[in-house]
Protein backbone atom coordinates (compact mmCIF):
# COMPACT_ATOMS: atom_id res chain seq x y z
CA MET A 1 6.45 43.99 0.17
CA SER A 2 5.89 43.70 -3.59
CA ARG A 3 2.51 42.97 -5.13
CA PHE A 4 4.01 39.65 -6.22
CA LEU A 5 4.75 38.55 -2.65
CA LEU A 6 1.53 39.98 -1.24
CA ALA A 7 -0.51 37.98 -3.73
CA LEU A 8 1.47 34.82 -3.04
CA VAL A 9 1.08 35.14 0.74
CA ALA A 10 -2.66 35.83 0.37
CA LEU A 11 -3.16 32.75 -1.78
CA LEU A 12 -1.20 30.53 0.59
CA ALA A 13 -3.05 31.88 3.62
CA ALA A 14 -6.39 31.32 1.96
CA SER A 15 -5.49 27.79 0.93
CA ALA A 16 -4.25 27.03 4.46
CA SER A 17 -7.51 28.32 5.98
CA PHE A 18 -9.49 26.17 3.57
CA ALA A 19 -7.38 23.11 4.29
CA GLN A 20 -7.96 23.43 8.03
CA SER A 21 -11.70 24.12 7.79
CA ALA A 22 -12.55 20.50 6.94
CA PRO A 23 -10.98 17.07 7.48
CA ILE A 24 -8.32 15.91 5.05
CA ARG A 25 -9.88 12.94 3.28
CA GLY A 26 -8.20 9.94 1.73
CA ALA A 27 -9.41 6.69 0.20
CA GLY A 28 -7.99 3.51 -1.26
CA ALA A 29 -6.17 0.34 -0.25
CA THR A 30 -7.41 -1.71 2.69
CA PHE A 31 -3.87 -3.13 3.10
CA PRO A 32 -2.58 -0.11 5.13
CA ALA A 33 -5.86 0.96 6.76
CA PRO A 34 -4.92 -0.12 10.33
CA VAL A 35 -1.72 1.93 10.39
CA TYR A 36 -3.33 4.96 8.71
CA ALA A 37 -6.04 4.94 11.39
CA ARG A 38 -3.41 4.75 14.15
CA TRP A 39 -1.40 7.60 12.62
CA ALA A 40 -4.48 9.80 12.19
CA ALA A 41 -5.44 9.36 15.86
CA GLN A 42 -1.90 10.26 16.99
CA TYR A 43 -1.53 13.21 14.61
CA ARG A 44 -4.71 15.11 15.48
CA PRO A 45 -3.87 16.22 19.07
CA SER A 46 -0.66 17.95 18.02
CA SER A 47 -1.82 19.33 14.67
CA GLY A 48 -5.52 20.01 15.14
CA ILE A 49 -6.07 18.36 11.75
CA GLU A 50 -8.48 15.46 11.30
CA ILE A 51 -7.47 12.80 8.77
CA ARG A 52 -10.27 10.59 7.49
CA TYR A 53 -9.37 7.49 5.47
CA GLU A 54 -11.88 5.24 3.71
CA ALA A 55 -10.61 1.72 3.00
CA ILE A 56 -12.37 0.91 -0.28
CA GLY A 57 -9.65 -0.88 -2.27
CA SER A 58 -6.79 0.36 -4.41
CA GLY A 59 -8.80 0.57 -7.63
CA ALA A 60 -11.53 2.71 -6.12
CA GLY A 61 -8.96 4.89 -4.37
CA ILE A 62 -7.16 5.59 -7.64
CA GLU A 63 -10.46 6.47 -9.29
CA ARG A 64 -11.41 8.91 -6.52
CA ILE A 65 -8.12 10.76 -6.51
CA GLU A 66 -8.14 10.91 -10.31
CA HIS A 67 -11.50 12.70 -10.15
CA ARG A 68 -10.34 14.78 -7.14
CA GLN A 69 -13.08 13.41 -4.90
CA VAL A 70 -10.56 13.02 -2.07
CA ASP A 71 -7.40 14.82 -1.00
CA PHE A 72 -5.15 11.78 -1.32
CA GLY A 73 -5.42 8.29 -2.70
CA ALA A 74 -3.71 5.08 -1.63
CA SER A 75 -2.79 2.04 -3.68
CA ASP A 76 -0.81 -1.11 -3.01
CA ILE A 77 0.36 -1.10 -6.62
CA PRO A 78 2.32 1.86 -8.01
CA LEU A 79 0.98 3.77 -10.98
CA THR A 80 3.24 4.03 -14.02
CA SER A 81 4.91 7.35 -14.80
CA ALA A 82 2.53 7.78 -17.76
CA GLU A 83 -0.50 7.22 -15.51
CA ARG A 84 0.79 9.68 -12.92
CA GLU A 85 1.46 12.32 -15.56
CA ARG A 86 -2.00 11.90 -17.06
CA MET A 87 -3.67 12.22 -13.66
CA GLY A 88 -1.36 14.95 -12.34
CA LEU A 89 -0.21 12.99 -9.29
CA LEU A 90 2.82 12.64 -7.07
CA GLN A 91 3.37 9.06 -5.83
CA PHE A 92 5.45 7.78 -2.93
CA PRO A 93 5.44 4.76 -0.57
CA VAL A 94 4.93 5.25 3.17
CA VAL A 95 4.92 1.77 4.73
CA ILE A 96 5.70 -1.83 3.81
CA GLY A 97 3.75 -4.95 4.72
CA GLY A 98 3.41 -8.62 3.89
CA VAL A 99 0.57 -10.45 2.17
CA VAL A 100 0.06 -13.87 3.75
CA PRO A 101 -2.00 -17.01 3.10
CA VAL A 102 -4.45 -17.65 5.94
CA VAL A 103 -6.18 -20.97 6.59
CA ASN A 104 -8.86 -22.43 8.83
CA ILE A 105 -8.01 -26.16 9.10
CA SER A 106 -8.96 -28.24 12.11
CA GLY A 107 -5.92 -29.62 13.91
CA VAL A 108 -3.35 -27.53 12.02
CA LYS A 109 -1.61 -24.83 14.04
CA SER A 110 -0.46 -21.50 12.70
CA GLY A 111 2.78 -21.83 10.73
CA GLU A 112 2.67 -25.64 10.49
CA LEU A 113 1.30 -25.80 6.95
CA ARG A 114 3.87 -25.38 4.17
CA LEU A 115 2.88 -24.21 0.70
CA THR A 116 4.56 -23.07 -2.51
CA GLY A 117 3.46 -20.54 -5.08
CA ARG A 118 2.85 -23.32 -7.60
CA VAL A 119 0.58 -25.26 -5.24
CA LEU A 120 -1.24 -22.09 -4.15
CA ALA A 121 -1.94 -21.33 -7.80
CA ASP A 122 -3.31 -24.85 -8.35
CA ILE A 123 -5.58 -24.40 -5.32
CA TYR A 124 -6.88 -21.10 -6.70
CA LEU A 125 -7.26 -22.68 -10.17
CA GLY A 126 -9.47 -25.35 -8.62
CA LYS A 127 -7.07 -28.16 -9.57
CA VAL A 128 -6.15 -28.99 -5.96
CA ARG A 129 -9.50 -29.42 -4.23
CA LYS A 130 -8.83 -31.31 -0.97
CA TRP A 131 -6.48 -30.57 1.89
CA ASN A 132 -4.93 -34.06 1.74
CA ASP A 133 -4.24 -33.77 -1.99
CA ARG A 134 -0.87 -35.29 -2.89
CA ALA A 135 0.57 -31.90 -3.89
CA ILE A 136 -0.04 -30.52 -0.38
CA ALA A 137 0.74 -33.76 1.46
CA GLU A 138 4.20 -34.04 -0.12
CA LEU A 139 5.10 -30.61 1.27
CA ASN A 140 3.75 -31.56 4.71
CA PRO A 141 4.68 -35.20 5.47
CA LYS A 142 4.40 -34.67 9.24
CA LEU A 143 0.86 -33.26 9.15
CA ASP A 144 -2.31 -35.34 9.32
CA LEU A 145 -4.26 -33.34 6.74
CA PRO A 146 -8.03 -33.83 6.45
CA SER A 147 -9.76 -35.09 3.31
CA SER A 148 -12.10 -32.08 3.44
CA ASN A 149 -12.78 -29.91 0.42
CA ILE A 150 -10.89 -26.62 0.25
CA THR A 151 -12.99 -23.45 0.26
CA VAL A 152 -11.11 -20.75 -1.64
CA VAL A 153 -11.72 -17.12 -0.57
CA HIS A 154 -10.63 -14.17 -2.68
CA ARG A 155 -11.26 -10.45 -3.08
CA ALA A 156 -14.38 -9.19 -4.84
CA ASP A 157 -13.12 -5.63 -5.29
CA SER A 158 -10.29 -4.05 -7.28
CA SER A 159 -7.35 -4.62 -4.96
CA GLY A 160 -3.63 -4.02 -4.81
CA THR A 161 -3.41 -6.99 -2.46
CA THR A 162 -4.89 -9.13 -5.23
CA GLN A 163 -2.37 -7.69 -7.69
CA LEU A 164 0.51 -8.73 -5.42
CA TRP A 165 -1.01 -12.16 -4.77
CA SER A 166 -1.69 -12.89 -8.44
CA GLU A 167 1.75 -11.62 -9.48
CA PHE A 168 3.32 -14.12 -7.07
CA LEU A 169 1.14 -16.94 -8.45
CA SER A 170 1.96 -15.92 -12.04
CA ARG A 171 5.69 -16.11 -11.37
CA ALA A 172 5.35 -19.54 -9.75
CA ASN A 173 2.85 -21.24 -12.05
CA PRO A 174 2.82 -20.90 -15.87
CA GLU A 175 -0.78 -22.15 -16.13
CA TRP A 176 -1.99 -19.45 -13.73
CA LYS A 177 -0.09 -16.83 -15.71
CA ALA A 178 -1.65 -17.99 -18.98
CA ARG A 179 -5.22 -18.48 -17.75
CA VAL A 180 -5.64 -15.76 -15.10
CA GLY A 181 -2.60 -13.48 -14.95
CA ALA A 182 -1.88 -10.64 -12.54
CA ALA A 183 -4.23 -7.70 -12.00
CA LYS A 184 -6.12 -5.80 -9.32
CA LEU A 185 -9.41 -7.37 -10.47
CA LEU A 186 -9.50 -10.94 -11.77
CA ASN A 187 -11.82 -13.43 -13.41
CA TRP A 188 -11.42 -16.03 -10.65
CA PRO A 189 -11.64 -19.70 -11.71
CA THR A 190 -13.13 -20.78 -8.38
CA GLY A 191 -13.93 -19.66 -4.85
CA VAL A 192 -16.11 -17.23 -2.92
CA ALA A 193 -15.57 -13.49 -2.88
CA ASP A 194 -15.56 -10.87 -0.15
CA VAL A 195 -14.71 -7.17 -0.01
CA GLY A 196 -11.45 -5.84 1.39
CA ASN A 197 -8.80 -7.43 3.59
CA GLU A 198 -11.30 -7.25 6.43
CA GLY A 199 -13.92 -9.15 4.42
CA VAL A 200 -11.54 -11.92 3.38
CA ALA A 201 -10.18 -12.28 6.92
CA SER A 202 -13.70 -12.51 8.38
CA SER A 203 -14.78 -15.02 5.73
CA VAL A 204 -11.83 -17.33 6.43
CA GLN A 205 -12.39 -16.96 10.16
CA ARG A 206 -15.97 -18.23 9.96
CA THR A 207 -15.47 -20.86 7.20
CA ARG A 208 -13.94 -24.18 8.18
CA MET A 209 -11.38 -25.67 5.76
CA SER A 210 -10.94 -22.38 3.93
CA ILE A 211 -7.95 -20.49 2.59
CA GLY A 212 -7.54 -16.81 1.75
CA TYR A 213 -4.94 -14.04 1.49
CA VAL A 214 -4.73 -10.86 3.55
CA GLU A 215 -2.25 -8.28 4.76
CA TYR A 216 -0.48 -9.63 7.84
CA ALA A 217 -2.01 -7.10 10.25
CA TYR A 218 -5.46 -8.50 9.44
CA ALA A 219 -4.29 -12.05 10.08
CA ARG A 220 -3.05 -10.95 13.50
CA GLN A 221 -6.19 -8.98 14.32
CA HIS A 222 -8.43 -11.94 13.47
CA GLN A 223 -6.07 -14.49 15.08
CA LEU A 224 -5.95 -16.51 11.87
CA SER A 225 -3.57 -19.37 11.18
CA VAL A 226 -0.95 -18.56 8.56
CA ALA A 227 0.98 -20.83 6.21
CA SER A 228 4.71 -20.80 5.55
CA LEU A 229 5.84 -20.17 1.96
CA ARG A 230 8.88 -21.29 0.02
CA ASN A 231 10.87 -18.25 -1.13
CA ARG A 232 13.11 -17.71 -4.15
CA ASP A 233 16.09 -19.21 -2.32
CA GLY A 234 14.16 -22.44 -1.72
CA ARG A 235 13.61 -21.93 2.00
CA PHE A 236 10.27 -22.16 3.78
CA VAL A 237 9.77 -18.92 5.67
CA MET A 238 7.24 -17.98 8.31
CA PRO A 239 5.38 -14.69 7.77
CA ARG A 240 6.68 -12.29 10.37
CA ARG A 241 8.03 -8.76 10.47
CA SER A 242 11.68 -9.87 10.35
CA ALA A 243 10.98 -11.70 7.06
CA PHE A 244 9.25 -8.61 5.63
CA GLU A 245 12.21 -6.49 6.73
CA ALA A 246 14.60 -8.87 4.98
CA ALA A 247 12.64 -8.48 1.75
CA ALA A 248 12.68 -4.67 2.03
CA ALA A 249 16.41 -4.68 2.79
CA ALA A 250 17.10 -6.75 -0.32
CA ALA A 251 15.74 -3.97 -2.54
CA SER A 252 17.59 -0.92 -3.82
CA TRP A 253 16.40 2.52 -2.70
CA ASN A 254 19.03 4.76 -4.30
CA SER A 255 17.03 6.58 -6.99
CA PRO A 256 13.54 8.10 -7.40
CA ALA A 257 12.60 5.20 -9.69
CA ASP A 258 13.21 2.79 -6.79
CA LEU A 259 10.22 4.29 -4.96
CA ASP A 260 7.90 2.67 -7.53
CA GLN A 261 9.12 -0.89 -7.17
CA ALA A 262 7.11 -3.93 -6.13
CA LEU A 263 8.77 -6.38 -3.74
CA VAL A 264 7.30 -9.66 -4.97
CA ASP A 265 9.60 -12.70 -4.84
CA PRO A 266 12.76 -10.90 -3.66
CA ALA A 267 16.13 -12.56 -3.20
CA GLY A 268 17.41 -13.51 0.24
CA ALA A 269 17.32 -16.66 2.33
CA ASP A 270 15.21 -14.97 5.02
CA SER A 271 12.94 -12.90 2.73
CA TRP A 272 9.18 -13.33 2.70
CA PRO A 273 8.18 -13.71 -0.98
CA LEU A 274 5.01 -11.59 -0.87
CA VAL A 275 5.82 -8.07 0.28
CA GLY A 276 4.50 -4.76 -0.97
CA ALA A 277 4.47 -1.07 -0.18
CA SER A 278 1.46 1.18 0.29
CA PHE A 279 1.67 4.15 -2.07
CA ILE A 280 0.17 7.60 -1.52
CA LEU A 281 -1.11 9.68 -4.46
CA LEU A 282 -1.23 13.48 -4.14
CA PRO A 283 -2.39 16.07 -6.70
CA THR A 284 0.32 18.30 -8.09
CA GLU A 285 -1.80 21.11 -9.57
CA PRO A 286 -1.79 24.46 -7.72
CA GLN A 287 -5.58 24.58 -7.28
CA ALA A 288 -5.34 21.95 -4.54
CA SER A 289 -2.31 23.49 -2.84
CA GLY A 290 -3.59 23.99 0.71
CA ARG A 291 -5.13 20.57 1.13
CA THR A 292 -2.29 18.83 -0.70
CA LEU A 293 0.29 20.48 1.53
CA GLU A 294 -1.70 19.54 4.63
CA ALA A 295 -1.86 15.91 3.50
CA MET A 296 1.86 16.07 2.72
CA ARG A 297 2.60 17.35 6.23
CA PHE A 298 0.65 14.43 7.69
CA PHE A 299 2.77 11.90 5.82
CA GLU A 300 5.97 13.80 6.61
CA TRP A 301 4.98 13.49 10.28
CA ALA A 302 4.18 9.78 9.85
CA LEU A 303 7.54 9.02 8.24
CA LYS A 304 9.35 10.76 11.11
CA ASN A 305 7.13 9.96 14.10
CA GLY A 306 4.85 7.07 13.21
CA GLN A 307 7.31 4.27 12.64
CA GLN A 308 6.94 2.67 16.07
CA SER A 309 3.18 2.49 15.54
CA ALA A 310 3.79 0.82 12.18
CA GLU A 311 6.05 -1.76 13.82
CA ASP A 312 3.50 -2.37 16.59
CA LEU A 313 1.01 -3.35 13.87
CA ASP A 314 3.62 -5.57 12.16
CA TYR A 315 4.26 -3.28 9.22
CA VAL A 316 7.80 -2.40 8.17
CA PRO A 317 8.99 1.22 8.16
CA LEU A 318 10.58 2.45 4.95
CA PRO A 319 14.38 2.26 4.82
CA HIS A 320 16.14 5.58 5.49
CA ALA A 321 17.33 5.78 1.89
CA ALA A 322 13.74 5.62 0.67
CA VAL A 323 12.65 8.32 3.12
CA ARG A 324 15.39 10.61 1.78
CA GLN A 325 14.08 10.14 -1.76
CA ILE A 326 10.57 11.06 -0.60
CA GLU A 327 11.81 14.18 1.18
CA LYS A 328 13.41 15.32 -2.08
CA ALA A 329 10.12 14.72 -3.92
CA PHE A 330 8.26 16.82 -1.31
CA GLU A 331 10.72 19.67 -1.73
CA GLN A 332 10.29 19.58 -5.50
CA LEU A 333 6.49 19.61 -5.20
CA GLN A 334 6.53 22.54 -2.80
CA THR A 335 8.84 24.48 -5.11
CA SER A 336 6.64 23.69 -8.09
CA LYS A 337 3.50 24.81 -6.26
CA ARG A 338 5.16 28.03 -5.16
CA GLU A 339 6.15 28.85 -8.73
CA LYS A 340 2.74 27.95 -10.18
CA LEU A 341 0.87 29.93 -7.54
CA ALA A 342 3.11 32.91 -8.11
CA ALA A 343 2.53 32.75 -11.86
CA ALA A 344 -1.23 32.53 -11.36
CA ALA A 345 -1.22 35.43 -8.91
CA THR A 346 0.72 37.84 -11.17
CA PRO A 347 -0.29 37.15 -14.78
CA ALA A 348 0.55 40.71 -15.85
CA GLU A 349 3.95 40.80 -14.21
CA THR A 350 7.14 39.44 -15.56
CA ALA A 351 9.11 36.93 -13.51
CA PRO A 352 11.17 38.54 -10.72
CA SER A 353 14.85 39.02 -11.28
CA ALA A 354 17.44 36.93 -9.53
CA LYS A 355 17.90 39.77 -7.03
CA ALA A 356 14.18 39.83 -6.24
CA LYS A 357 13.50 36.18 -5.54
CA ALA A 358 10.73 35.31 -3.06
CA ALA A 359 11.66 34.22 0.44
CA PRO A 360 12.01 30.46 1.03
CA PHE A 361 8.62 28.76 1.10
CA VAL A 362 7.31 27.67 4.50
CA PRO A 363 4.10 25.58 4.34
CA PRO A 364 1.22 27.24 6.25
CA ARG A 365 0.63 25.91 9.72
């Protein structure tokens, strides 16, 4: 075997040993935390690899992966191509879920309350202050709504869920767009703040006459009442997995650029208007090769074997066309790492000839 191949094998073996000596650590969005925890528990017995994920919000997750404090980051909002290039990151979605309004109103059952994006924005602007306000009552003529004040609950941390929520409100309400806008961290006009999807869900659960927004899995876990929303086609739709699937199916997944799309306010009579993907961020530089490849293998496993678990938690698996795009991105990253590692291992050697190419790369197990 040539010195070139010996050096490459030694580097890959060393990186594999390092990757397996400690848990693979990730951090970021709280939106997908339940399914990541389920996948990690299922993956460890067969792989021997422990995956630890810290749900700290999309903004904090991006910051940690940018500074290489974790092995992978997670965000509910995709980075731009310029941001990814600056940080040296590969980005891809792994699961889709719905953001839903949750309420705690005496005498109103889950799904009975109807709301629109415009009215939701007015509630979060502090313009609609009582549950029997005319704007809400006109949408719900059959409900006996209380005259109680509305307690608004929102995120305190930098959050992809907030970005999706505020983007929906911005599209529906010009005043919200002008005064507040869409971002992961907002200057909220009114309301009380809590940290993470878990914090908002718990706050709504213990606060009578409140409203908040969370990923659907958290609404289910906390047995919270949800509101129906009017979608782009003018239909009121209940938040459920079939409505999230309809939104995902309405999108195009035929090019690499499609992997970066947000799914807010999609077309389709049955589509839920507030759907988003959870995006994984992996380093592309060769110094992190062993741990990056181990994290990549985990998500490859999840895309192939973890979809039933995602459905059990009311997330939506990625469409097959999207998975094919991700597989191509993985192949390109592995090829790039192989070439960069080889170049680093043999600085004094010239590139091998076409007849002396290295054997196909097989990630270390």
